[in-house]
Amino acid sequence: MWFKNRGRKPCGACPRRRPLDNSLESAFEDEQYKIINNPHRKSFELGLFNGNVIKVIRNNCNQRNIIIGVADSRYIISKDIARHIKVEMVS
């Protein structure tokens, strides 16, 4: 059902469970990251180039997707795809 995970709050434990993982899947919300390596061609066509700075808008552990912002655009990325995109935090 479409409303299954609607009332749940993020636990905050999922990204902290893998602190050494530098994938987009384990990125924190409201942080900016620089893309180091993106092997996925479909997301590469969306503008997720190596060296681009992105902002993670929503990364909820109960959801299957991540919402990111690239420049003026917003994208929904599957966590399966985000697992392969390597990022580093921008200070």
Protein backbone atom coordinates (compact mmCIF):
# COMPACT_ATOMS: atom_id res chain seq x y z
CA MET A 1 0.00 0.00 0.00
CA TRP A 2 1.18 3.52 -0.76
CA PHE A 3 0.81 4.73 2.83
CA LYS A 4 2.69 1.87 4.50
CA ASN A 5 5.76 3.85 5.70
CA ARG A 6 4.12 7.25 5.91
CA GLY A 7 4.02 7.70 9.70
CA ARG A 8 7.45 6.31 10.55
CA LYS A 9 10.32 8.45 11.71
CA PRO A 10 13.90 7.82 10.54
CA CYS A 11 15.86 5.81 13.06
CA GLY A 12 19.18 7.49 12.28
CA ALA A 13 21.03 4.23 12.85
CA CYS A 14 21.44 3.05 9.26
CA PRO A 15 24.08 5.57 8.11
CA ARG A 16 25.88 5.35 11.44
CA ARG A 17 26.04 1.58 11.21
CA ARG A 18 28.57 1.87 8.36
CA PRO A 19 30.78 4.86 9.21
CA LEU A 20 33.61 3.75 6.89
CA ASP A 21 31.32 3.30 3.90
CA ASN A 22 31.69 6.21 1.49
CA SER A 23 28.71 5.44 -0.73
CA LEU A 24 25.78 7.77 -1.38
CA GLU A 25 23.50 5.22 0.27
CA SER A 26 24.95 5.97 3.71
CA ALA A 27 25.06 9.77 3.30
CA PHE A 28 23.47 12.05 5.91
CA GLU A 29 20.58 14.39 5.21
CA ASP A 30 21.21 18.13 4.70
CA GLU A 31 24.89 17.56 3.93
CA GLN A 32 26.83 18.28 0.77
CA TYR A 33 28.95 15.64 -0.92
CA LYS A 34 31.34 15.53 -3.85
CA ILE A 35 31.01 12.59 -6.23
CA ILE A 36 34.26 10.63 -6.48
CA ASN A 37 33.18 7.73 -8.69
CA ASN A 38 29.91 7.03 -10.50
CA PRO A 39 29.93 3.80 -12.54
CA HIS A 40 26.17 3.84 -13.17
CA ARG A 41 25.46 5.14 -16.69
CA LYS A 42 21.81 6.08 -16.18
CA SER A 43 22.54 8.36 -13.22
CA PHE A 44 25.57 9.73 -15.08
CA GLU A 45 23.16 10.94 -17.78
CA LEU A 46 21.15 12.80 -15.09
CA GLY A 47 24.16 14.99 -14.34
CA LEU A 48 25.82 13.05 -11.54
CA PHE A 49 29.33 13.53 -12.93
CA ASN A 50 32.55 12.84 -11.07
CA GLY A 51 33.48 16.01 -9.19
CA ASN A 52 29.90 17.36 -8.96
CA VAL A 53 28.71 18.64 -5.59
CA ILE A 54 25.33 17.28 -4.52
CA LYS A 55 23.12 17.83 -1.49
CA VAL A 56 21.23 14.98 0.17
CA ILE A 57 17.70 16.20 0.83
CA ARG A 58 16.18 13.00 2.20
CA ASN A 59 17.75 9.69 3.14
CA ASN A 60 15.27 7.83 5.30
CA CYS A 61 16.13 4.29 6.37
CA ASN A 62 12.48 3.23 5.91
CA GLN A 63 12.33 4.41 2.30
CA ARG A 64 13.73 2.70 -0.81
CA ASN A 65 14.89 5.93 -2.45
CA ILE A 66 17.14 8.90 -1.73
CA ILE A 67 16.27 12.44 -2.80
CA ILE A 68 19.27 14.52 -3.84
CA GLY A 69 19.75 17.98 -5.25
CA VAL A 70 22.15 18.76 -8.09
CA ALA A 71 22.40 22.50 -8.82
CA ASP A 72 18.73 23.54 -9.34
CA SER A 73 17.41 20.02 -9.99
CA ARG A 74 16.05 17.39 -7.62
CA TYR A 75 16.33 13.66 -8.32
CA ILE A 76 15.04 10.47 -6.75
CA ILE A 77 17.75 7.81 -6.76
CA SER A 78 17.23 4.17 -5.80
CA LYS A 79 19.35 2.97 -2.88
CA ASP A 80 20.56 0.11 -5.08
CA ILE A 81 22.06 2.67 -7.46
CA ALA A 82 23.26 4.93 -4.62
CA ARG A 83 25.21 2.02 -3.13
CA HIS A 84 27.59 2.12 -6.14
CA ILE A 85 28.14 5.91 -6.20
CA LYS A 86 31.17 6.86 -4.09
CA VAL A 87 31.15 10.27 -2.42
CA GLU A 88 33.13 12.35 0.07
CA MET A 89 31.77 15.03 2.38
CA VAL A 90 32.45 18.67 1.45
CA SER A 91 33.56 20.83 4.37
